[in-house]
Amino acid sequence: MKLLINIRERLYILNYLGALLTITGAFMFIPLVPFFLYDQPSGTGLSILSFVIPGTISILTGLILQFSFPFKAPSLRGAMIITALGWIIAGLLGGVPYMLGLHKSFIDAFFESVSGFTTTGITVFEGLDQMPRSILFWRSFTQWLGGLGILSFFMAVSFRGGSTAAALFSAEGHKIDISRPVPGIFHTLIILWSIYTAFTLVSCFVFWLTGMSGFDAINHCFTCISTGGFSTHDASLAWWQQNGTKNAWLIEFSAVIFMLAGGTNFLIHYRILTGDVKSLFRDFEMRWYWSIAGGAVFLVIMDHIVAFNLREPMGITHLFNIFRTALFQVSSLITSTGYLTTDINSPFFPDMSKQILMILMVIGGCVGSTAGGIKILRASILFRTISVEIRKISRPRRAVMPIVISGRIVSQTELQRITALLWSWLLIIAAGAFVTSFLSDLDPWQAFSGMASAMGNMGPFYFTVHKMAQLHWLIKLTYIFGMLAGRLEILPLAVLFAIYRRRI
């Protein structure tokens, strides 16, 4: 009887999932525009049904669920369930065009779709340069939708505010106390998505102006500000340099600007737009952001110079190219975008540089950004905690030394939450690395990099895309779990698993 009561009380969850299915299904008709512009005349073999069938079924199913089950504001636990199931369903649905249009296996299609929505950017697809453009567009568009969260977009366009939006926003967003630009969660969402859309449009124009085609500019504006990293070319952003584009360096520096913007807390963007420009460098987390990025660029440059014994006076062009490569890859990884101009496996990055890039993959960008990783604010709070504990040694036992960040005392509860999240994060990476090592011939370093990339929603790893595509299906499922856990910061999936274990 208790089981039946609990099920009946949670039927409203199906109403939310139905609304999400309806909106996602409607989005699946958008790739028909590039289909008719590019794919249909060129005879790629891709059928219009690759998008129409899943889109139609999703819309109809969603409408049925919405009309069949009641709507009410979710509890915190209900919001966690909606979040976890919503992202899993979006990943399953988003993979259908890959199965129908490219004849990919279920696991590979699910993997690519989850990688898109979570803005991870790990791909198991090869031959992107010859792939149908409607498929490429869908890959990029899923990353744009997932940048600030597919549920936050759903709330913004469906005008669901109040306690409903607050619960879902808390479940999908970063599990840390951060302020909002304005009172009211609905207005906050509108502001965030307005800034996000503005960056998207500006980056599209800049990419087109610096040498990209219109189609490439649209795709890369989706995957740059979302810090997703999917590209329309196998060579990623190195494609323009390899093909002799005159302004290839301008494209790269433009991408650096928008990647760093995506990795910045969007509250900082709001402050800048409202006149507080100093917050870009005065904010506690932003100071760490610039320090880590700048320090990493400097160390990578020095490591390269020492490793290649470049002691002779170097020309301006040579120094510029070293700086250009180091800046781009550090920016790409600290923001979890994952674009490449030089493969991180290449000799350009000696051993120390590879370690630095791996650390950046774990840390990631700022809280309140589109970046992945454990977040710079959490890392800096833990660092501050260590320094406080050291200083306590020389103080009386009764001395109270709170941890203060930006004028706010970090509570013990918050510290426990951050520590638990970091510990869980590392445990999942370790478990995924064990599974990878057991079921593949990758060495420990490569196995760790693969799971760290998935968990941090990064993209690059220390082996090839071809090798990734050939991995055991169980490893790919492990990475799918890692991508979802990293994007949702573990808790919603943990709640879903706990409820399943209790059969509620």
Protein backbone atom coordinates (compact mmCIF):
# COMPACT_ATOMS: atom_id res chain seq x y z
CA MET A 1 0.00 0.00 0.00
CA LYS A 2 2.86 2.38 0.88
CA LEU A 3 4.46 1.63 -2.48
CA LEU A 4 1.24 2.47 -4.35
CA ILE A 5 0.79 5.70 -2.41
CA ASN A 6 4.33 6.80 -3.16
CA ILE A 7 3.92 6.03 -6.86
CA ARG A 8 0.64 7.94 -7.03
CA GLU A 9 2.18 10.94 -5.27
CA ARG A 10 4.94 11.10 -7.86
CA LEU A 11 2.87 10.78 -11.01
CA TYR A 12 3.25 14.53 -11.52
CA ILE A 13 6.85 13.78 -12.54
CA LEU A 14 5.48 12.33 -15.79
CA ASN A 15 3.85 15.70 -16.52
CA TYR A 16 7.25 17.41 -16.38
CA LEU A 17 8.88 14.71 -18.48
CA GLY A 18 6.06 15.06 -20.99
CA ALA A 19 6.67 18.80 -21.30
CA LEU A 20 10.39 18.16 -21.79
CA LEU A 21 9.64 15.54 -24.48
CA THR A 22 7.35 17.97 -26.29
CA ILE A 23 9.93 20.76 -26.40
CA THR A 24 12.82 18.45 -27.32
CA GLY A 25 10.74 16.86 -30.06
CA ALA A 26 9.94 20.28 -31.51
CA PHE A 27 13.66 21.11 -31.60
CA MET A 28 14.30 17.99 -33.70
CA PHE A 29 12.57 19.65 -36.65
CA ILE A 30 15.10 22.52 -36.74
CA PRO A 31 17.85 20.42 -38.43
CA LEU A 32 15.48 20.04 -41.39
CA VAL A 33 16.62 23.53 -42.46
CA PRO A 34 20.24 22.46 -43.15
CA PHE A 35 18.85 19.17 -44.49
CA PHE A 36 16.98 20.93 -47.29
CA LEU A 37 19.77 23.47 -47.85
CA TYR A 38 22.69 21.05 -48.00
CA ASP A 39 21.91 17.36 -47.61
CA GLN A 40 18.91 16.73 -49.88
CA PRO A 41 20.49 18.07 -53.10
CA SER A 42 23.84 16.42 -52.40
CA GLY A 43 22.39 12.92 -52.08
CA THR A 44 23.96 11.96 -48.74
CA GLY A 45 21.49 9.13 -48.27
CA LEU A 46 20.14 10.75 -45.12
CA SER A 47 16.36 10.58 -44.88
CA ILE A 48 14.11 13.34 -43.62
CA LEU A 49 12.54 10.68 -41.43
CA SER A 50 15.70 10.59 -39.31
CA PHE A 51 14.41 13.72 -37.60
CA VAL A 52 10.68 13.64 -38.34
CA ILE A 53 10.01 10.21 -36.79
CA PRO A 54 11.65 10.81 -33.38
CA GLY A 55 10.43 14.41 -33.31
CA THR A 56 6.82 13.46 -33.98
CA ILE A 57 6.80 10.53 -31.56
CA SER A 58 8.39 12.69 -28.87
CA ILE A 59 5.83 15.49 -29.28
CA LEU A 60 2.85 13.13 -29.25
CA THR A 61 4.15 11.18 -26.26
CA GLY A 62 4.88 14.39 -24.42
CA LEU A 63 1.41 15.80 -25.02
CA ILE A 64 -0.23 12.57 -23.87
CA LEU A 65 1.79 12.60 -20.64
CA GLN A 66 0.97 16.25 -20.00
CA PHE A 67 -2.77 15.75 -20.43
CA SER A 68 -2.83 12.43 -18.55
CA PHE A 69 -1.03 13.40 -15.36
CA PRO A 70 -1.45 16.32 -12.96
CA PHE A 71 0.90 19.27 -12.58
CA LYS A 72 2.19 20.47 -9.24
CA ALA A 73 5.31 22.07 -7.85
CA PRO A 74 7.91 19.35 -7.18
CA SER A 75 9.54 18.60 -3.87
CA LEU A 76 13.34 18.71 -3.73
CA ARG A 77 13.51 14.95 -4.14
CA GLY A 78 10.99 15.10 -6.98
CA ALA A 79 13.07 17.79 -8.68
CA MET A 80 16.12 15.56 -8.43
CA ILE A 81 14.21 12.70 -10.05
CA ILE A 82 12.89 14.95 -12.84
CA THR A 83 16.40 16.26 -13.48
CA ALA A 84 18.05 12.84 -13.64
CA LEU A 85 15.32 11.25 -15.78
CA GLY A 86 15.01 14.35 -17.96
CA TRP A 87 18.67 14.30 -18.94
CA ILE A 88 18.66 10.56 -19.55
CA ILE A 89 15.53 10.78 -21.73
CA ALA A 90 16.96 13.74 -23.68
CA GLY A 91 20.12 11.72 -24.29
CA LEU A 92 18.14 8.71 -25.52
CA LEU A 93 15.93 10.81 -27.77
CA GLY A 94 18.80 12.88 -29.14
CA GLY A 95 20.60 9.75 -30.27
CA VAL A 96 17.78 8.50 -32.54
CA PRO A 97 18.83 10.64 -35.59
CA TYR A 98 22.30 9.08 -35.36
CA MET A 99 20.81 5.59 -35.44
CA LEU A 100 18.36 6.31 -38.27
CA GLY A 101 20.54 8.67 -40.31
CA LEU A 102 24.04 7.27 -39.77
CA HIS A 103 23.11 3.69 -38.82
CA LYS A 104 25.10 3.93 -35.60
CA SER A 105 24.67 1.42 -32.81
CA PHE A 106 22.44 2.29 -29.87
CA ILE A 107 25.41 2.68 -27.51
CA ASP A 108 27.36 4.95 -29.88
CA ALA A 109 24.28 7.07 -30.64
CA PHE A 110 23.40 7.38 -26.95
CA PHE A 111 27.03 8.20 -26.14
CA GLU A 112 27.25 10.96 -28.76
CA SER A 113 23.91 12.44 -27.72
CA VAL A 114 24.77 12.52 -24.01
CA SER A 115 28.17 13.98 -24.88
CA GLY A 116 26.33 16.70 -26.76
CA PHE A 117 23.69 17.60 -24.19
CA THR A 118 26.20 17.53 -21.31
CA THR A 119 28.59 19.68 -23.42
CA THR A 120 31.32 17.10 -22.87
CA GLY A 121 32.47 16.92 -26.47
CA ILE A 122 33.90 13.40 -26.43
CA THR A 123 33.03 11.89 -29.78
CA VAL A 124 32.93 8.36 -31.13
CA PHE A 125 32.19 9.64 -34.65
CA GLU A 126 34.89 9.80 -37.31
CA GLY A 127 34.69 11.37 -40.76
CA LEU A 128 33.01 14.59 -39.65
CA ASP A 129 34.15 16.41 -42.81
CA GLN A 130 31.99 14.09 -44.95
CA MET A 131 29.08 13.80 -42.53
CA PRO A 132 25.61 15.17 -43.47
CA ARG A 133 25.33 18.76 -42.35
CA SER A 134 21.97 18.33 -40.70
CA ILE A 135 23.57 15.73 -38.41
CA LEU A 136 26.48 18.08 -37.67
CA PHE A 137 24.01 20.84 -36.91
CA TRP A 138 22.07 18.60 -34.51
CA ARG A 139 25.28 17.65 -32.68
CA SER A 140 26.15 21.33 -32.23
CA PHE A 141 22.61 22.36 -31.32
CA THR A 142 22.39 19.76 -28.54
CA GLN A 143 25.46 21.33 -26.96
CA TRP A 144 23.94 24.79 -27.12
CA LEU A 145 20.75 23.50 -25.47
CA GLY A 146 22.76 21.82 -22.74
CA GLY A 147 25.05 24.78 -22.08
CA LEU A 148 22.96 26.43 -19.37
CA GLY A 149 20.83 23.33 -18.85
CA ILE A 150 18.01 21.83 -20.86
CA LEU A 151 15.65 22.09 -17.90
CA SER A 152 16.48 25.75 -17.32
CA PHE A 153 15.65 26.42 -20.97
CA PHE A 154 12.43 24.45 -20.58
CA MET A 155 11.46 26.61 -17.59
CA ALA A 156 12.33 29.84 -19.42
CA VAL A 157 10.21 29.06 -22.50
CA SER A 158 7.32 27.47 -20.59
CA PHE A 159 7.06 30.35 -18.09
CA ARG A 160 7.22 27.99 -15.12
CA GLY A 161 8.55 30.09 -12.28
CA GLY A 162 8.14 30.28 -8.54
CA SER A 163 8.84 27.21 -6.43
CA THR A 164 8.76 24.97 -9.52
CA ALA A 165 11.63 26.77 -11.22
CA ALA A 166 13.52 27.16 -7.96
CA ALA A 167 13.44 23.43 -7.24
CA LEU A 168 14.45 22.40 -10.76
CA PHE A 169 17.10 25.11 -11.03
CA SER A 170 18.62 23.96 -7.74
CA ALA A 171 18.57 20.31 -8.84
CA GLU A 172 20.11 20.94 -12.26
CA GLY A 173 22.47 23.76 -11.31
CA HIS A 174 25.67 23.88 -9.32
CA LYS A 175 25.40 22.45 -5.83
CA ILE A 176 26.87 25.49 -4.11
CA ASP A 177 25.44 28.69 -2.68
CA ILE A 178 25.70 31.47 -5.27
CA SER A 179 23.81 34.72 -5.57
CA ARG A 180 21.38 35.59 -8.34
CA PRO A 181 21.47 38.71 -10.51
CA VAL A 182 17.88 39.68 -9.63
CA PRO A 183 15.17 38.46 -7.23
CA GLY A 184 12.98 35.72 -8.67
CA ILE A 185 14.22 32.59 -10.38
CA PHE A 186 12.23 33.17 -13.57
CA HIS A 187 13.75 36.60 -14.14
CA THR A 188 17.16 35.14 -13.34
CA LEU A 189 16.68 32.50 -16.04
CA ILE A 190 15.58 35.09 -18.60
CA ILE A 191 18.66 37.22 -17.88
CA LEU A 192 21.02 34.23 -18.07
CA TRP A 193 19.57 32.97 -21.35
CA SER A 194 19.52 36.50 -22.82
CA ILE A 195 23.24 36.94 -22.09
CA TYR A 196 23.91 33.43 -23.40
CA THR A 197 22.00 34.12 -26.63
CA ALA A 198 23.74 37.47 -27.10
CA PHE A 199 27.15 35.81 -26.81
CA THR A 200 26.01 33.17 -29.30
CA LEU A 201 24.97 35.74 -31.90
CA VAL A 202 28.08 37.88 -31.46
CA SER A 203 30.42 34.88 -31.69
CA CYS A 204 28.64 33.69 -34.85
CA PHE A 205 29.24 37.05 -36.52
CA VAL A 206 32.87 37.19 -35.35
CA PHE A 207 33.62 33.65 -36.57
CA TRP A 208 32.09 34.42 -39.96
CA LEU A 209 33.98 37.72 -40.14
CA THR A 210 37.35 36.06 -39.38
CA GLY A 211 37.07 33.42 -42.10
CA MET A 212 34.58 30.68 -41.27
CA SER A 213 31.79 29.78 -43.66
CA GLY A 214 28.28 30.62 -42.54
CA PHE A 215 27.53 27.01 -41.66
CA ASP A 216 30.76 26.56 -39.69
CA ALA A 217 30.20 29.85 -37.87
CA ILE A 218 26.70 28.81 -36.77
CA ASN A 219 27.90 25.44 -35.51
CA HIS A 220 30.91 26.81 -33.66
CA CYS A 221 28.97 29.64 -32.05
CA PHE A 222 26.74 26.93 -30.57
CA THR A 223 29.64 24.84 -29.25
CA CYS A 224 31.98 27.64 -28.18
CA ILE A 225 29.95 29.69 -25.71
CA SER A 226 28.42 26.45 -24.39
CA THR A 227 32.01 25.19 -23.86
CA GLY A 228 30.99 21.98 -25.61
CA GLY A 229 33.73 21.62 -28.21
CA PHE A 230 31.99 19.71 -31.01
CA SER A 231 33.34 20.80 -34.39
CA THR A 232 32.32 20.25 -37.99
CA HIS A 233 35.81 18.96 -38.81
CA ASP A 234 37.84 16.03 -37.52
CA ALA A 235 40.80 18.38 -37.03
CA SER A 236 38.68 20.71 -34.85
CA LEU A 237 39.86 24.33 -35.05
CA ALA A 238 43.19 23.24 -36.52
CA TRP A 239 41.32 22.69 -39.80
CA TRP A 240 41.58 26.34 -40.83
CA GLN A 241 45.32 26.48 -40.27
CA GLN A 242 45.84 23.17 -42.05
CA ASN A 243 43.88 24.44 -45.04
CA GLY A 244 45.84 27.67 -45.30
CA THR A 245 43.16 30.07 -44.07
CA LYS A 246 44.79 33.49 -43.95
CA ASN A 247 43.20 34.54 -40.67
CA ALA A 248 43.39 31.19 -38.88
CA TRP A 249 45.05 32.83 -35.88
CA LEU A 250 42.20 35.34 -35.65
CA ILE A 251 39.68 32.49 -35.54
CA GLU A 252 41.67 30.89 -32.72
CA PHE A 253 41.96 34.07 -30.64
CA SER A 254 38.26 34.78 -31.17
CA ALA A 255 37.49 31.28 -29.89
CA VAL A 256 39.73 31.91 -26.85
CA ILE A 257 37.71 35.02 -25.94
CA PHE A 258 34.35 33.26 -26.19
CA MET A 259 35.60 30.09 -24.48
CA LEU A 260 36.83 32.15 -21.53
CA ALA A 261 33.49 34.00 -21.53
CA GLY A 262 31.65 30.68 -21.37
CA GLY A 263 33.88 29.54 -18.51
CA THR A 264 33.10 32.71 -16.53
CA ASN A 265 30.27 32.92 -14.03
CA PHE A 266 27.36 34.50 -15.92
CA LEU A 267 26.64 36.63 -12.85
CA ILE A 268 29.95 38.39 -13.63
CA HIS A 269 28.73 39.08 -17.17
CA TYR A 270 25.56 40.60 -15.72
CA ARG A 271 27.58 42.79 -13.38
CA ILE A 272 29.73 43.99 -16.26
CA LEU A 273 26.65 44.82 -18.32
CA THR A 274 25.25 46.81 -15.40
CA GLY A 275 28.45 48.86 -15.06
CA ASP A 276 30.55 46.87 -12.57
CA VAL A 277 33.48 46.15 -14.90
CA LYS A 278 35.92 45.78 -12.00
CA SER A 279 34.22 42.55 -10.91
CA LEU A 280 35.91 40.83 -13.84
CA PHE A 281 39.17 41.04 -11.88
CA ARG A 282 38.05 41.89 -8.33
CA ASP A 283 35.80 38.89 -7.73
CA PHE A 284 37.43 36.16 -5.62
CA GLU A 285 36.80 33.33 -8.08
CA MET A 286 37.75 35.45 -11.09
CA ARG A 287 41.12 36.27 -9.55
CA TRP A 288 41.78 32.54 -9.22
CA TYR A 289 40.45 31.96 -12.74
CA TRP A 290 42.90 34.39 -14.34
CA SER A 291 45.76 33.29 -12.09
CA ILE A 292 45.35 29.60 -12.90
CA ALA A 293 44.92 30.24 -16.62
CA GLY A 294 47.86 32.65 -16.82
CA GLY A 295 50.10 30.44 -14.71
CA ALA A 296 49.26 27.39 -16.80
CA VAL A 297 50.04 29.22 -20.06
CA PHE A 298 53.39 30.39 -18.67
CA LEU A 299 54.35 26.90 -17.44
CA VAL A 300 53.38 25.22 -20.71
CA ILE A 301 55.45 27.74 -22.69
CA MET A 302 58.48 27.29 -20.39
CA ASP A 303 58.13 23.51 -20.43
CA HIS A 304 58.09 23.51 -24.22
CA ILE A 305 61.14 25.79 -24.46
CA VAL A 306 63.15 23.73 -21.96
CA ALA A 307 62.12 20.34 -23.41
CA PHE A 308 63.10 21.33 -26.93
CA ASN A 309 66.27 23.06 -25.72
CA LEU A 310 65.25 26.32 -27.38
CA ARG A 311 67.99 28.41 -25.81
CA GLU A 312 68.98 30.24 -28.93
CA PRO A 313 67.27 33.59 -29.57
CA MET A 314 63.93 32.84 -31.16
CA GLY A 315 62.15 34.91 -33.74
CA ILE A 316 58.93 36.74 -32.99
CA THR A 317 56.98 34.34 -35.21
CA HIS A 318 58.26 31.26 -33.38
CA LEU A 319 57.52 32.74 -29.95
CA PHE A 320 54.08 33.85 -31.12
CA ASN A 321 53.21 30.35 -32.35
CA ILE A 322 54.30 28.78 -29.03
CA PHE A 323 52.24 31.34 -27.10
CA ARG A 324 49.31 30.91 -29.47
CA THR A 325 49.21 27.13 -29.02
CA ALA A 326 49.68 27.25 -25.25
CA LEU A 327 47.04 29.94 -24.76
CA PHE A 328 44.50 28.16 -26.91
CA GLN A 329 44.82 24.73 -25.29
CA VAL A 330 44.91 26.08 -21.74
CA SER A 331 41.79 28.18 -22.47
CA SER A 332 40.11 25.21 -24.11
CA LEU A 333 40.70 22.90 -21.15
CA ILE A 334 40.16 25.25 -18.21
CA THR A 335 36.77 26.07 -19.71
CA SER A 336 36.12 22.38 -20.55
CA THR A 337 35.47 23.29 -24.21
CA GLY A 338 37.84 20.76 -25.71
CA TYR A 339 38.65 22.42 -29.04
CA LEU A 340 42.07 21.46 -30.40
CA THR A 341 44.59 23.26 -32.57
CA THR A 342 47.38 20.90 -31.50
CA ASP A 343 46.63 17.38 -30.27
CA ILE A 344 47.35 17.19 -26.53
CA ASN A 345 49.04 13.84 -27.27
CA SER A 346 51.56 15.55 -29.58
CA PRO A 347 55.24 16.14 -28.68
CA PHE A 348 54.53 19.88 -28.47
CA PHE A 349 53.29 19.20 -24.93
CA PRO A 350 56.04 17.56 -22.85
CA ASP A 351 55.22 15.44 -19.79
CA MET A 352 54.84 18.34 -17.37
CA SER A 353 52.52 20.15 -19.78
CA LYS A 354 50.37 17.05 -20.11
CA GLN A 355 50.09 16.92 -16.30
CA ILE A 356 49.13 20.60 -16.19
CA LEU A 357 46.44 20.04 -18.80
CA MET A 358 45.12 17.05 -16.83
CA ILE A 359 44.86 19.19 -13.68
CA LEU A 360 42.91 21.80 -15.65
CA MET A 361 40.58 19.03 -16.87
CA VAL A 362 39.74 18.16 -13.27
CA ILE A 363 39.38 21.74 -11.97
CA GLY A 364 37.39 23.22 -14.86
CA GLY A 365 35.84 26.69 -14.98
CA CYS A 366 33.80 28.94 -12.70
CA VAL A 367 30.62 28.23 -10.80
CA GLY A 368 27.59 29.59 -12.68
CA SER A 369 29.27 29.11 -16.07
CA THR A 370 28.77 26.58 -18.83
CA ALA A 371 32.10 24.91 -17.98
CA GLY A 372 32.55 21.51 -16.37
CA GLY A 373 34.98 20.27 -13.73
CA ILE A 374 34.80 20.56 -9.95
CA LYS A 375 34.85 24.38 -10.41
CA ILE A 376 37.50 26.92 -9.45
CA LEU A 377 35.50 28.30 -6.52
CA ARG A 378 35.41 24.90 -4.83
CA ALA A 379 39.11 24.30 -5.45
CA SER A 380 39.99 27.73 -4.08
CA ILE A 381 37.81 27.23 -0.98
CA LEU A 382 39.57 23.93 -0.27
CA PHE A 383 42.93 25.64 -0.73
CA ARG A 384 41.85 28.41 1.65
CA THR A 385 40.76 25.72 4.14
CA ILE A 386 44.24 24.21 4.12
CA SER A 387 45.87 27.59 4.70
CA VAL A 388 43.51 28.32 7.59
CA GLU A 389 44.29 24.97 9.20
CA ILE A 390 48.01 25.70 8.95
CA ARG A 391 47.58 29.13 10.55
CA LYS A 392 45.55 27.61 13.39
CA ILE A 393 48.65 25.76 14.54
CA SER A 394 50.21 29.02 15.77
CA ARG A 395 46.97 30.31 17.32
CA PRO A 396 45.33 29.50 20.66
CA ARG A 397 43.06 26.47 20.60
CA ARG A 398 39.96 28.56 21.17
CA ALA A 399 40.78 30.92 18.31
CA VAL A 400 37.99 31.12 15.73
CA MET A 401 39.24 31.48 12.15
CA PRO A 402 36.34 31.25 9.73
CA ILE A 403 36.88 30.87 6.01
CA VAL A 404 35.75 34.09 4.37
CA ILE A 405 35.16 34.29 0.63
CA SER A 406 34.14 37.63 -0.92
CA GLY A 407 33.04 38.95 2.46
CA ARG A 408 30.91 35.88 3.21
CA ILE A 409 31.72 33.24 5.81
CA VAL A 410 31.66 29.75 4.30
CA SER A 411 29.56 27.58 6.60
CA GLN A 412 30.66 24.21 7.88
CA THR A 413 27.75 22.66 5.97
CA GLU A 414 29.03 24.16 2.75
CA LEU A 415 32.55 22.88 3.42
CA GLN A 416 31.20 19.39 4.08
CA ARG A 417 29.19 19.52 0.85
CA ILE A 418 32.22 20.59 -1.18
CA THR A 419 34.42 17.92 0.40
CA ALA A 420 31.82 15.22 -0.21
CA LEU A 421 31.38 16.27 -3.83
CA LEU A 422 35.12 16.33 -4.48
CA TRP A 423 35.61 12.94 -2.84
CA SER A 424 32.72 11.43 -4.82
CA TRP A 425 34.08 13.01 -7.98
CA LEU A 426 37.51 11.42 -7.52
CA LEU A 427 36.01 8.04 -6.59
CA ILE A 428 33.92 7.95 -9.78
CA ILE A 429 36.95 8.91 -11.90
CA ALA A 430 39.00 6.18 -10.23
CA ALA A 431 36.24 3.60 -10.71
CA GLY A 432 35.85 4.54 -14.37
CA ALA A 433 39.61 4.33 -14.89
CA PHE A 434 39.62 0.82 -13.34
CA VAL A 435 36.82 -0.30 -15.67
CA THR A 436 38.65 1.19 -18.66
CA SER A 437 41.93 -0.52 -17.77
CA PHE A 438 40.22 -3.86 -17.16
CA LEU A 439 38.30 -3.93 -20.45
CA SER A 440 40.88 -2.34 -22.78
CA ASP A 441 44.57 -2.25 -23.57
CA LEU A 442 44.93 1.42 -22.61
CA ASP A 443 47.70 2.24 -20.15
CA PRO A 444 46.81 3.69 -16.71
CA TRP A 445 47.47 7.29 -17.81
CA GLN A 446 45.20 6.94 -20.85
CA ALA A 447 42.48 5.17 -18.85
CA PHE A 448 42.49 7.89 -16.21
CA SER A 449 42.39 10.66 -18.83
CA GLY A 450 39.36 9.13 -20.55
CA MET A 451 37.23 8.98 -17.41
CA ALA A 452 38.51 12.35 -16.15
CA SER A 453 37.49 13.87 -19.47
CA ALA A 454 34.01 12.33 -19.25
CA MET A 455 33.47 13.29 -15.62
CA GLY A 456 34.79 16.81 -16.15
CA ASN A 457 32.73 17.27 -19.35
CA MET A 458 35.98 18.12 -21.15
CA GLY A 459 36.38 16.23 -24.43
CA PRO A 460 40.11 15.64 -25.05
CA PHE A 461 41.91 12.57 -23.71
CA TYR A 462 45.32 10.96 -24.10
CA PHE A 463 44.45 8.49 -26.84
CA THR A 464 42.83 8.71 -30.27
CA VAL A 465 39.19 9.17 -31.29
CA HIS A 466 39.48 5.96 -33.31
CA LYS A 467 40.49 4.11 -30.14
CA MET A 468 37.60 5.70 -28.24
CA ALA A 469 35.16 4.51 -30.91
CA GLN A 470 36.50 0.94 -30.57
CA LEU A 471 36.22 0.71 -26.77
CA HIS A 472 34.06 -1.94 -25.12
CA TRP A 473 30.39 -1.00 -24.81
CA LEU A 474 30.59 -1.26 -21.02
CA ILE A 475 33.35 1.36 -20.96
CA LYS A 476 31.17 3.66 -23.06
CA LEU A 477 28.26 3.17 -20.66
CA THR A 478 30.62 4.02 -17.80
CA TYR A 479 31.63 7.22 -19.60
CA ILE A 480 27.97 8.05 -20.24
CA PHE A 481 27.33 7.78 -16.51
CA GLY A 482 30.42 9.92 -15.87
CA MET A 483 29.25 12.62 -18.30
CA LEU A 484 25.80 12.79 -16.68
CA ALA A 485 27.21 12.68 -13.15
CA GLY A 486 29.69 15.44 -13.95
CA ARG A 487 27.09 17.67 -15.59
CA LEU A 488 24.50 17.19 -12.83
CA GLU A 489 27.15 17.13 -10.11
CA ILE A 490 26.26 13.61 -8.94
CA LEU A 491 23.38 14.30 -6.55
CA PRO A 492 20.34 13.82 -8.88
CA LEU A 493 21.70 10.49 -10.13
CA ALA A 494 22.47 9.44 -6.56
CA VAL A 495 18.90 10.25 -5.50
CA LEU A 496 17.51 8.30 -8.47
CA PHE A 497 19.69 5.30 -7.61
CA ALA A 498 18.71 5.46 -3.92
CA ILE A 499 15.01 5.50 -4.81
CA TYR A 500 15.50 2.57 -7.17
CA ARG A 501 17.30 0.58 -4.46
CA ARG A 502 14.40 1.17 -2.06
CA ARG A 503 11.89 0.22 -4.77
CA ILE A 504 9.89 3.42 -4.17
